[in-house]
Amino acid sequence: MELLVDFALQERYKYVENLSDRLREFALIIDWELLWKIYMEIYTNTTSQRGQRTGVKNVLLVKMLALQSMYGLSDPELGQQVNNKIPFLKFLGFHKKIPYRFTVCYFREKLVKTGKDKTT
């Protein structure tokens, strides 16, 4: 069933792509992995009780913050839009599990607290 859903999303995106998808262009000019490496150090928890974990180990959080900023979305709107808009899903890589808005909010707060939100 997943293959059918993935195929349907890809086919629907092909139609949307022809409508000038600016997210596709944006995704191509940013080095998302480099951004994640900058931000990952604040998101890693290294305590003796929990060991080391990075939570969401990919660029989804950074991309979700980019979407939120580009489209002026509140946290609840972000959660809704990333699950409803095909271009947003494509931009995030059609991941099966999108982080909750609370995870994104926590990540943003940590960026601000550590000053990483101003890193260029």
Foldseek 3Di string as FASTA:
>chain_A
DVVVVVVVLVVVVVVVVVVPLVLVVVLVVDPLVVLCVLLQVLQWDDDPVPHTDRPPPGSLLVLLVVVCVVVVHDLVRSQVCCVPDSSSCVSSPVDPDRDHSVVSVVSVVSCVVVVVVVPD
